[in-house]
C-alpha atoms as a PDB file:
ATOM      1  CA  MET A   1      81.348 102.529 230.003  1.00  0.00           C
ATOM      2  CA  VAL A   2      82.481  99.503 227.979  1.00  0.00           C
ATOM      3  CA  VAL A   3      80.435  96.929 226.071  1.00  0.00           C
ATOM      4  CA  VAL A   4      82.230  93.694 225.213  1.00  0.00           C
ATOM      5  CA  GLY A   5      81.047  92.044 221.982  1.00  0.00           C
ATOM      6  CA  GLY A   6      80.496  92.688 218.301  1.00  0.00           C
ATOM      7  CA  GLY A   7      76.945  91.512 217.612  1.00  0.00           C
ATOM      8  CA  ASN A   8      73.601  93.276 217.413  1.00  0.00           C
ATOM      9  CA  VAL A   9      73.097  92.971 221.181  1.00  0.00           C
ATOM     10  CA  ALA A  10      76.370  94.807 221.795  1.00  0.00           C
ATOM     11  CA  ILE A  11      75.347  97.571 219.397  1.00  0.00           C
ATOM     12  CA  ASP A  12      71.913  97.848 221.040  1.00  0.00           C
ATOM     13  CA  CYS A  13      73.501  98.064 224.499  1.00  0.00           C
ATOM     14  CA  ALA A  14      75.927 100.783 223.409  1.00  0.00           C
ATOM     15  CA  ARG A  15      73.303 102.920 221.676  1.00  0.00           C
ATOM     16  CA  THR A  16      70.908 102.512 224.602  1.00  0.00           C
ATOM     17  CA  CYS A  17      73.577 103.652 227.059  1.00  0.00           C
ATOM     18  CA  LEU A  18      74.128 106.811 225.023  1.00  0.00           C
ATOM     19  CA  ARG A  19      70.410 107.529 225.201  1.00  0.00           C
ATOM     20  CA  LEU A  20      70.469 106.987 228.952  1.00  0.00           C
ATOM     21  CA  GLY A  21      73.079 109.720 229.303  1.00  0.00           C
ATOM     22  CA  PHE A  22      76.460 107.963 229.284  1.00  0.00           C
ATOM     23  CA  LYS A  23      79.009 110.355 227.793  1.00  0.00           C
ATOM     24  CA  ASP A  24      81.708 107.852 226.842  1.00  0.00           C
ATOM     25  CA  VAL A  25      80.606 104.521 225.348  1.00  0.00           C
ATOM     26  CA  ASN A  26      83.183 102.093 224.019  1.00  0.00           C
ATOM     27  CA  ILE A  27      82.702  98.722 222.297  1.00  0.00           C
ATOM     28  CA  VAL A  28      85.576  96.271 222.728  1.00  0.00           C
ATOM     29  CA  TYR A  29      85.646  93.555 220.065  1.00  0.00           C
ATOM     30  CA  ARG A  30      88.315  90.910 219.524  1.00  0.00           C
ATOM     31  CA  ARG A  31      88.161  90.840 215.720  1.00  0.00           C
ATOM     32  CA  SER A  32      88.195  93.571 213.064  1.00  0.00           C
ATOM     33  CA  ARG A  33      85.160  95.547 211.977  1.00  0.00           C
ATOM     34  CA  ALA A  34      84.779  93.346 208.895  1.00  0.00           C
ATOM     35  CA  GLU A  35      84.150  90.318 211.126  1.00  0.00           C
ATOM     36  CA  MET A  36      81.569  92.013 213.352  1.00  0.00           C
ATOM     37  CA  PRO A  37      78.333  89.964 213.142  1.00  0.00           C
ATOM     38  CA  ALA A  38      76.196  93.042 213.831  1.00  0.00           C
ATOM     39  CA  ILE A  39      74.291  94.576 210.921  1.00  0.00           C
ATOM     40  CA  ALA A  40      76.722  96.953 209.198  1.00  0.00           C
ATOM     41  CA  GLU A  41      74.220  99.824 209.079  1.00  0.00           C
ATOM     42  CA  GLU A  42      73.690  99.525 212.835  1.00  0.00           C
ATOM     43  CA  VAL A  43      77.447  99.751 213.452  1.00  0.00           C
ATOM     44  CA  THR A  44      77.687 102.845 211.262  1.00  0.00           C
ATOM     45  CA  GLU A  45      74.792 104.559 213.057  1.00  0.00           C
ATOM     46  CA  ALA A  46      76.345 103.706 216.426  1.00  0.00           C
ATOM     47  CA  GLU A  47      79.571 105.411 215.355  1.00  0.00           C
ATOM     48  CA  HIS A  48      77.638 108.450 214.110  1.00  0.00           C
ATOM     49  CA  GLU A  49      76.054 108.719 217.547  1.00  0.00           C
ATOM     50  CA  GLY A  50      79.449 108.681 219.250  1.00  0.00           C
ATOM     51  CA  VAL A  51      80.119 105.038 220.117  1.00  0.00           C
ATOM     52  CA  ARG A  52      83.845 104.257 219.928  1.00  0.00           C
ATOM     53  CA  LEU A  53      85.080 100.925 218.581  1.00  0.00           C
ATOM     54  CA  THR A  54      88.168  99.364 220.127  1.00  0.00           C
ATOM     55  CA  LEU A  55      88.837  96.575 217.648  1.00  0.00           C
ATOM     56  CA  LEU A  56      91.224  93.614 217.635  1.00  0.00           C
ATOM     57  CA  SER A  57      91.137  93.743 221.419  1.00  0.00           C
ATOM     58  CA  GLY A  58      90.144  90.909 223.723  1.00  0.00           C
ATOM     59  CA  PRO A  59      89.055  91.370 227.351  1.00  0.00           C
ATOM     60  CA  ASN A  60      91.538  89.909 229.823  1.00  0.00           C
ATOM     61  CA  LYS A  61      90.280  90.900 233.259  1.00  0.00           C
ATOM     62  CA  VAL A  62      88.246  93.537 235.082  1.00  0.00           C
ATOM     63  CA  VAL A  63      90.362  96.046 236.985  1.00  0.00           C
ATOM     64  CA  VAL A  64      88.990  96.711 240.476  1.00  0.00           C
ATOM     65  CA  LYS A  65      90.036  99.517 242.801  1.00  0.00           C
ATOM     66  CA  GLY A  66      88.509 100.146 246.206  1.00  0.00           C
ATOM     67  CA  GLY A  67      85.911  97.454 245.602  1.00  0.00           C
ATOM     68  CA  LYS A  68      84.654  99.133 242.427  1.00  0.00           C
ATOM     69  CA  VAL A  69      85.179  98.564 238.716  1.00  0.00           C
ATOM     70  CA  ALA A  70      87.900 100.892 237.464  1.00  0.00           C
ATOM     71  CA  GLY A  71      88.728  99.504 234.058  1.00  0.00           C
ATOM     72  CA  LEU A  72      88.944  96.589 231.683  1.00  0.00           C
ATOM     73  CA  GLU A  73      92.338  95.088 230.917  1.00  0.00           C
ATOM     74  CA  CYS A  74      92.516  93.982 227.284  1.00  0.00           C
ATOM     75  CA  VAL A  75      95.072  92.306 225.076  1.00  0.00           C
ATOM     76  CA  LYS A  76      95.649  93.226 221.444  1.00  0.00           C
ATOM     77  CA  MET A  77      94.760  90.603 218.847  1.00  0.00           C
ATOM     78  CA  GLN A  78      95.801  89.644 215.344  1.00  0.00           C
ATOM     79  CA  LEU A  79      93.704  87.571 212.973  1.00  0.00           C
ATOM     80  CA  GLY A  80      94.768  83.990 212.270  1.00  0.00           C
ATOM     81  CA  ASN A  81      93.150  81.172 210.291  1.00  0.00           C
ATOM     82  CA  PRO A  82      89.345  80.913 209.994  1.00  0.00           C
ATOM     83  CA  ASP A  83      87.491  79.087 212.777  1.00  0.00           C
ATOM     84  CA  GLU A  84      84.240  77.085 212.703  1.00  0.00           C
ATOM     85  CA  SER A  85      82.215  80.241 212.000  1.00  0.00           C
ATOM     86  CA  GLY A  86      84.242  80.994 208.869  1.00  0.00           C
ATOM     87  CA  ARG A  87      85.692  84.140 210.419  1.00  0.00           C
ATOM     88  CA  ARG A  88      89.417  84.502 211.089  1.00  0.00           C
ATOM     89  CA  ARG A  89      90.332  83.435 214.598  1.00  0.00           C
ATOM     90  CA  PRO A  90      91.672  86.192 216.916  1.00  0.00           C
ATOM     91  CA  VAL A  91      95.122  85.367 218.277  1.00  0.00           C
ATOM     92  CA  PRO A  92      96.500  87.284 221.316  1.00  0.00           C
ATOM     93  CA  ILE A  93      99.693  89.295 220.840  1.00  0.00           C
ATOM     94  CA  ASN A  94     102.172  88.674 223.643  1.00  0.00           C
ATOM     95  CA  SER A  95     102.855  91.534 226.081  1.00  0.00           C
ATOM     96  CA  SER A  96     100.278  93.799 224.439  1.00  0.00           C
ATOM     97  CA  GLU A  97      98.006  94.330 227.455  1.00  0.00           C
ATOM     98  CA  PHE A  98      96.381  97.728 227.936  1.00  0.00           C
ATOM     99  CA  VAL A  99      93.626  99.111 230.153  1.00  0.00           C
ATOM    100  CA  VAL A 100      90.433 100.852 229.086  1.00  0.00           C
ATOM    101  CA  GLU A 101      89.285 103.004 231.995  1.00  0.00           C
ATOM    102  CA  THR A 102      85.609 102.531 232.842  1.00  0.00           C
ATOM    103  CA  GLY A 103      83.269 102.219 235.788  1.00  0.00           C
ATOM    104  CA  LEU A 104      80.880  99.836 234.056  1.00  0.00           C
ATOM    105  CA  VAL A 105      81.377  96.755 231.888  1.00  0.00           C
ATOM    106  CA  ILE A 106      78.515  95.091 229.981  1.00  0.00           C
ATOM    107  CA  ALA A 107      79.129  91.625 228.536  1.00  0.00           C
ATOM    108  CA  ALA A 108      77.278  91.104 225.240  1.00  0.00           C
ATOM    109  CA  VAL A 109      79.122  88.061 223.913  1.00  0.00           C
ATOM    110  CA  GLY A 110      77.883  84.818 222.446  1.00  0.00           C
ATOM    111  CA  GLU A 111      77.200  81.945 224.812  1.00  0.00           C
ATOM    112  CA  GLU A 112      76.633  78.214 224.558  1.00  0.00           C
ATOM    113  CA  PRO A 113      74.449  75.878 226.655  1.00  0.00           C
ATOM    114  CA  ASP A 114      75.922  74.032 229.642  1.00  0.00           C
ATOM    115  CA  LEU A 115      74.587  70.507 229.205  1.00  0.00           C
ATOM    116  CA  SER A 116      76.812  68.851 231.810  1.00  0.00           C
ATOM    117  CA  PHE A 117      73.734  68.011 233.897  1.00  0.00           C
ATOM    118  CA  MET A 118      72.408  65.736 231.150  1.00  0.00           C
ATOM    119  CA  THR A 119      73.742  62.374 232.256  1.00  0.00           C
ATOM    120  CA  GLY A 120      72.486  58.780 232.091  1.00  0.00           C
ATOM    121  CA  ASP A 121      69.712  58.292 229.535  1.00  0.00           C
ATOM    122  CA  MET A 122      69.678  62.023 228.817  1.00  0.00           C
ATOM    123  CA  ALA A 123      73.286  61.950 227.605  1.00  0.00           C
ATOM    124  CA  ALA A 124      72.087  60.129 224.484  1.00  0.00           C
ATOM    125  CA  VAL A 125      70.278  63.241 223.230  1.00  0.00           C
ATOM    126  CA  VAL A 126      73.400  65.440 223.320  1.00  0.00           C
ATOM    127  CA  ALA A 127      75.626  65.753 220.253  1.00  0.00           C
ATOM    128  CA  ASP A 128      78.193  68.407 219.335  1.00  0.00           C
ATOM    129  CA  GLY A 129      77.207  70.521 222.336  1.00  0.00           C
ATOM    130  CA  HIS A 130      73.507  70.662 221.475  1.00  0.00           C
ATOM    131  CA  VAL A 131      70.348  68.720 222.272  1.00  0.00           C
ATOM    132  CA  LYS A 132      69.034  66.537 219.447  1.00  0.00           C
ATOM    133  CA  ALA A 133      65.302  66.935 218.860  1.00  0.00           C
ATOM    134  CA  ASN A 134      62.834  66.223 216.075  1.00  0.00           C
ATOM    135  CA  PRO A 135      62.676  69.485 214.072  1.00  0.00           C
ATOM    136  CA  LEU A 136      58.886  69.279 213.690  1.00  0.00           C
ATOM    137  CA  THR A 137      57.747  68.009 217.097  1.00  0.00           C
ATOM    138  CA  LEU A 138      60.815  68.923 219.201  1.00  0.00           C
ATOM    139  CA  GLU A 139      60.647  65.463 220.786  1.00  0.00           C
ATOM    140  CA  THR A 140      63.962  63.969 221.914  1.00  0.00           C
ATOM    141  CA  SER A 141      64.834  60.281 221.922  1.00  0.00           C
ATOM    142  CA  VAL A 142      63.925  60.168 225.634  1.00  0.00           C
ATOM    143  CA  LYS A 143      60.200  59.571 226.058  1.00  0.00           C
ATOM    144  CA  GLY A 144      58.325  62.593 227.342  1.00  0.00           C
ATOM    145  CA  VAL A 145      61.271  64.983 226.986  1.00  0.00           C
ATOM    146  CA  PHE A 146      61.076  67.862 224.504  1.00  0.00           C
ATOM    147  CA  ALA A 147      63.660  70.533 223.714  1.00  0.00           C
ATOM    148  CA  GLY A 148      63.899  73.752 221.718  1.00  0.00           C
ATOM    149  CA  GLY A 149      65.616  77.096 221.449  1.00  0.00           C
ATOM    150  CA  ASP A 150      69.330  77.791 221.314  1.00  0.00           C
ATOM    151  CA  ALA A 151      70.117  74.543 223.139  1.00  0.00           C
ATOM    152  CA  VAL A 152      68.876  72.735 220.012  1.00  0.00           C
ATOM    153  CA  THR A 153      69.606  75.084 217.127  1.00  0.00           C
ATOM    154  CA  GLY A 154      72.628  76.950 218.401  1.00  0.00           C
ATOM    155  CA  ALA A 155      72.647  80.734 218.607  1.00  0.00           C
ATOM    156  CA  ALA A 156      69.524  82.122 216.925  1.00  0.00           C
ATOM    157  CA  THR A 157      66.923  84.840 217.480  1.00  0.00           C
ATOM    158  CA  VAL A 158      64.518  85.359 220.363  1.00  0.00           C
ATOM    159  CA  ILE A 159      61.642  84.979 217.896  1.00  0.00           C
ATOM    160  CA  GLN A 160      62.862  81.526 216.875  1.00  0.00           C
ATOM    161  CA  ALA A 161      63.195  80.473 220.518  1.00  0.00           C
ATOM    162  CA  MET A 162      59.654  81.680 221.248  1.00  0.00           C
ATOM    163  CA  ALA A 163      58.359  79.765 218.228  1.00  0.00           C
ATOM    164  CA  ALA A 164      60.107  76.630 219.497  1.00  0.00           C
ATOM    165  CA  GLY A 165      58.424  77.065 222.875  1.00  0.00           C
ATOM    166  CA  ARG A 166      54.997  77.243 221.241  1.00  0.00           C
ATOM    167  CA  LYS A 167      55.773  74.229 219.072  1.00  0.00           C
ATOM    168  CA  ALA A 168      56.997  72.208 222.066  1.00  0.00           C
ATOM    169  CA  ALA A 169      53.917  73.171 224.092  1.00  0.00           C
ATOM    170  CA  LYS A 170      51.690  71.905 221.288  1.00  0.00           C
ATOM    171  CA  SER A 171      53.623  68.620 221.233  1.00  0.00           C
ATOM    172  CA  ILE A 172      53.406  68.221 225.004  1.00  0.00           C
ATOM    173  CA  VAL A 173      49.629  68.647 224.920  1.00  0.00           C
ATOM    174  CA  LYS A 174      49.412  65.984 222.216  1.00  0.00           C
ATOM    175  CA  TYR A 175      51.732  63.736 224.227  1.00  0.00           C
ATOM    176  CA  PHE A 176      49.492  63.843 227.315  1.00  0.00           C
ATOM    177  CA  LYS A 177      46.386  63.278 225.175  1.00  0.00           C
ATOM    178  CA  GLY A 178      47.986  60.277 223.496  1.00  0.00           C
ATOM    179  CA  GLU A 179      47.682  61.876 220.046  1.00  0.00           C
ATOM    180  CA  PRO A 180      50.245  61.527 217.224  1.00  0.00           C
ATOM    181  CA  LEU A 181      52.752  64.321 217.657  1.00  0.00           C
ATOM    182  CA  ASP A 182      53.209  64.952 213.942  1.00  0.00           C
ATOM    183  CA  GLN A 183      49.531  65.370 213.087  1.00  0.00           C
ATOM    184  CA  GLY A 184      47.849  68.766 212.748  1.00  0.00           C
ATOM    185  CA  ARG A 185      51.147  70.612 212.276  1.00  0.00           C
ATOM    186  CA  GLU A 186      50.185  72.520 209.140  1.00  0.00           C
ATOM    187  CA  GLY A 187      52.443  75.508 208.621  1.00  0.00           C
ATOM    188  CA  GLU A 188      55.161  74.020 210.827  1.00  0.00           C
ATOM    189  CA  GLU A 189      56.766  71.796 208.204  1.00  0.00           C
ATOM    190  CA  ILE A 190      60.468  71.976 207.506  1.00  0.00           C
ATOM    191  CA  PHE A 191      61.164  73.382 204.079  1.00  0.00           C
ATOM    192  CA  GLU A 192      62.717  71.185 201.436  1.00  0.00           C
ATOM    193  CA  SER A 193      66.454  71.727 201.119  1.00  0.00           C
ATOM    194  CA  LYS A 194      66.249  73.347 197.692  1.00  0.00           C
ATOM    195  CA  LEU A 195      65.547  77.065 197.823  1.00  0.00           C
ATOM    196  CA  ILE A 196      65.110  79.589 195.054  1.00  0.00           C
ATOM    197  CA  VAL A 197      65.505  83.358 194.927  1.00  0.00           C
ATOM    198  CA  ASP A 198      62.458  85.012 193.376  1.00  0.00           C
ATOM    199  CA  THR A 199      63.541  87.933 191.185  1.00  0.00           C
ATOM    200  CA  TRP A 200      59.978  89.047 190.390  1.00  0.00           C
ATOM    201  CA  GLY A 201      61.083  89.751 186.808  1.00  0.00           C
ATOM    202  CA  ILE A 202      61.831  93.405 187.504  1.00  0.00           C
ATOM    203  CA  ALA A 203      64.995  95.271 186.551  1.00  0.00           C
ATOM    204  CA  GLU A 204      67.535  95.499 189.358  1.00  0.00           C
ATOM    205  CA  GLU A 205      67.921  98.836 191.111  1.00  0.00           C
ATOM    206  CA  SER A 206      69.827  99.952 194.183  1.00  0.00           C
ATOM    207  CA  ARG A 207      68.014  99.819 197.492  1.00  0.00           C
ATOM    208  CA  ALA A 208      66.554 103.165 198.558  1.00  0.00           C
ATOM    209  CA  ALA A 209      68.326 104.817 201.470  1.00  0.00           C
ATOM    210  CA  VAL A 210      65.994 105.212 204.441  1.00  0.00           C
ATOM    211  CA  PRO A 211      66.091 108.729 205.949  1.00  0.00           C
ATOM    212  CA  VAL A 212      67.292 108.851 209.543  1.00  0.00           C
ATOM    213  CA  LEU A 213      66.819 111.219 212.451  1.00  0.00           C
ATOM    214  CA  PRO A 214      69.737 113.658 212.808  1.00  0.00           C
ATOM    215  CA  VAL A 215      72.180 112.545 215.495  1.00  0.00           C
ATOM    216  CA  ALA A 216      71.606 115.711 217.533  1.00  0.00           C
ATOM    217  CA  GLN A 217      67.914 114.801 217.882  1.00  0.00           C
ATOM    218  CA  ARG A 218      68.595 111.299 219.233  1.00  0.00           C
ATOM    219  CA  LYS A 219      70.270 112.293 222.487  1.00  0.00           C
ATOM    220  CA  GLY A 220      68.372 111.640 225.699  1.00  0.00           C
ATOM    221  CA  ASN A 221      65.421 109.954 224.012  1.00  0.00           C
ATOM    222  CA  PHE A 222      64.354 106.782 222.259  1.00  0.00           C
ATOM    223  CA  LYS A 223      62.790 108.274 219.139  1.00  0.00           C
ATOM    224  CA  GLU A 224      62.713 106.119 216.011  1.00  0.00           C
ATOM    225  CA  VAL A 225      66.009 106.612 214.177  1.00  0.00           C
ATOM    226  CA  GLU A 226      64.728 105.510 210.765  1.00  0.00           C
ATOM    227  CA  THR A 227      62.028 108.004 209.843  1.00  0.00           C
ATOM    228  CA  GLY A 228      60.598 106.145 206.839  1.00  0.00           C
ATOM    229  CA  LEU A 229      60.335 106.639 203.096  1.00  0.00           C
ATOM    230  CA  THR A 230      58.213 109.204 201.317  1.00  0.00           C
ATOM    231  CA  LYS A 231      55.214 107.883 199.392  1.00  0.00           C
ATOM    232  CA  GLU A 232      57.083 108.192 196.107  1.00  0.00           C
ATOM    233  CA  LYS A 233      60.188 106.447 197.456  1.00  0.00           C
ATOM    234  CA  ALA A 234      58.078 103.672 198.985  1.00  0.00           C
ATOM    235  CA  ILE A 235      56.338 103.001 195.665  1.00  0.00           C
ATOM    236  CA  SER A 236      59.683 102.982 193.860  1.00  0.00           C
ATOM    237  CA  GLU A 237      61.133 100.586 196.439  1.00  0.00           C
ATOM    238  CA  ALA A 238      58.132  98.274 196.114  1.00  0.00           C
ATOM    239  CA  ARG A 239      58.775  98.028 192.373  1.00  0.00           C
ATOM    240  CA  ARG A 240      62.463  97.326 192.804  1.00  0.00           C
ATOM    241  CA  CYS A 241      64.004  93.914 192.225  1.00  0.00           C
ATOM    242  CA  LEU A 242      64.708  92.451 195.646  1.00  0.00           C
ATOM    243  CA  THR A 243      67.569  90.103 194.809  1.00  0.00           C
ATOM    244  CA  CYS A 244      69.139  91.427 197.111  1.00  0.00           C
ATOM    245  CA  ASP A 245      71.674  93.758 198.750  1.00  0.00           C
ATOM    246  CA  CYS A 246      70.590  94.073 202.374  1.00  0.00           C
ATOM    247  CA  HIS A 247      72.620  91.049 203.605  1.00  0.00           C
ATOM    248  CA  ILE A 248      70.365  90.687 206.658  1.00  0.00           C
ATOM    249  CA  CYS A 249      70.122  86.918 206.196  1.00  0.00           C
ATOM    250  CA  ILE A 250      73.907  86.571 205.980  1.00  0.00           C
ATOM    251  CA  ASN A 251      74.559  88.856 208.954  1.00  0.00           C
ATOM    252  CA  LEU A 252      71.993  87.132 211.177  1.00  0.00           C
ATOM    253  CA  LEU A 253      72.481  83.494 210.290  1.00  0.00           C
ATOM    254  CA  GLY A 254      76.013  82.899 209.050  1.00  0.00           C
ATOM    255  CA  CYS A 255      74.674  79.954 207.019  1.00  0.00           C
ATOM    256  CA  PRO A 256      77.216  78.408 204.593  1.00  0.00           C
ATOM    257  CA  ALA A 257      74.507  78.206 201.906  1.00  0.00           C
ATOM    258  CA  LEU A 258      74.076  82.000 201.873  1.00  0.00           C
ATOM    259  CA  ILE A 259      76.761  83.500 199.655  1.00  0.00           C
ATOM    260  CA  THR A 260      77.400  86.725 197.781  1.00  0.00           C
ATOM    261  CA  ASP A 261      77.670  86.623 194.009  1.00  0.00           C
ATOM    262  CA  GLN A 262      78.792  89.891 192.428  1.00  0.00           C
ATOM    263  CA  GLY A 263      77.575  91.759 195.497  1.00  0.00           C
ATOM    264  CA  LYS A 264      74.157  90.068 195.558  1.00  0.00           C
ATOM    265  CA  VAL A 265      72.925  87.440 197.992  1.00  0.00           C
ATOM    266  CA  ALA A 266      72.523  83.989 196.485  1.00  0.00           C
ATOM    267  CA  VAL A 267      71.600  80.561 197.837  1.00  0.00           C
ATOM    268  CA  ASP A 268      74.022  77.701 197.216  1.00  0.00           C
ATOM    269  CA  ALA A 269      71.651  74.729 197.179  1.00  0.00           C
ATOM    270  CA  SER A 270      74.517  72.247 197.591  1.00  0.00           C
ATOM    271  CA  GLY A 271      75.242  73.611 201.071  1.00  0.00           C
ATOM    272  CA  CYS A 272      71.640  74.277 202.121  1.00  0.00           C
ATOM    273  CA  PRO A 273      70.564  72.474 205.326  1.00  0.00           C
ATOM    274  CA  GLY A 274      66.879  72.878 204.410  1.00  0.00           C
ATOM    275  CA  CYS A 275      65.836  74.687 207.581  1.00  0.00           C
ATOM    276  CA  GLY A 276      64.180  77.556 205.713  1.00  0.00           C
ATOM    277  CA  VAL A 277      65.172  80.119 208.358  1.00  0.00           C
ATOM    278  CA  CYS A 278      66.606  82.442 205.708  1.00  0.00           C
ATOM    279  CA  ALA A 279      63.149  82.676 204.135  1.00  0.00           C
ATOM    280  CA  GLN A 280      61.704  83.483 207.569  1.00  0.00           C
ATOM    281  CA  VAL A 281      64.136  86.304 208.391  1.00  0.00           C
ATOM    282  CA  CYS A 282      64.171  87.923 204.935  1.00  0.00           C
ATOM    283  CA  PRO A 283      62.215  91.183 205.402  1.00  0.00           C
ATOM    284  CA  PHE A 284      61.419  91.390 201.694  1.00  0.00           C
ATOM    285  CA  GLU A 285      60.313  87.780 201.109  1.00  0.00           C
ATOM    286  CA  ALA A 286      62.963  87.612 198.397  1.00  0.00           C
ATOM    287  CA  ILE A 287      63.895  84.050 199.430  1.00  0.00           C
ATOM    288  CA  GLN A 288      61.122  81.536 199.017  1.00  0.00           C
ATOM    289  CA  PRO A 289      60.941  77.727 199.451  1.00  0.00           C
ATOM    290  CA  ALA A 290      61.049  75.945 196.130  1.00  0.00           C
ATOM    291  CA  PRO A 291      57.895  74.094 195.127  1.00  0.00           C
ATOM    292  CA  GLU A 292      58.099  70.344 195.586  1.00  0.00           C
ATOM    293  CA  ALA A 293      58.910  68.433 192.431  1.00  0.00           C
END
């Protein structure tokens, strides 16, 4: 079977299919491995488990024989100039088509909202392919209309979309009660644009490698792959400086303010949009909002 895409969803689909018994699992991705938005460790583990990567290959069409899927026609790509995401744009190579034989194709590619239905007064809330909404209340410029999730923020996590739904629901209740929408929103404020990285004043050390379940023990089941640190390793990790080599924030968000400086993650305040999402996704709380001046 073939999974089309290079993000975490594609990796999850491929590894799940192996656990469900598929013998041959192939990920087709139009850029190189270096441009894959999936977490690098996840890609490596997928390869260890037997997932094949067909890189610099873009899907062209599904091959059908006898009314059934028989393959995926792809075209080879080469990398051109960077696009809006900062990654090099894949450019098709003429007459380079080839077919990957498969009976199942799973699409795990990025999508964008179709806002063509928003006409008339609603058209005023659309800009650059997204819905404009107050970041605290999620109210649009159209009275009584609220919006959240990927249609507002662009591609983000399920957790962020769920949080937006809760925030919008709270605003809608206030709207019907005639209460100010921005009152009683403690804990929902948008962070100030300046962020700092808290080094905790501890000497830098390399991140401890988390033990994993042997590949042979992962087949046909959904056991936890990461088995956890020993007590001693956990204590050592807790004492370690967390500025920072996991790159989770960079891999998930692609924010221009998140940069690497000598292999470490740093925040470029001049490019920071002030959303504070990096602080929310950091599993180590190494990024913290700066105190107000």
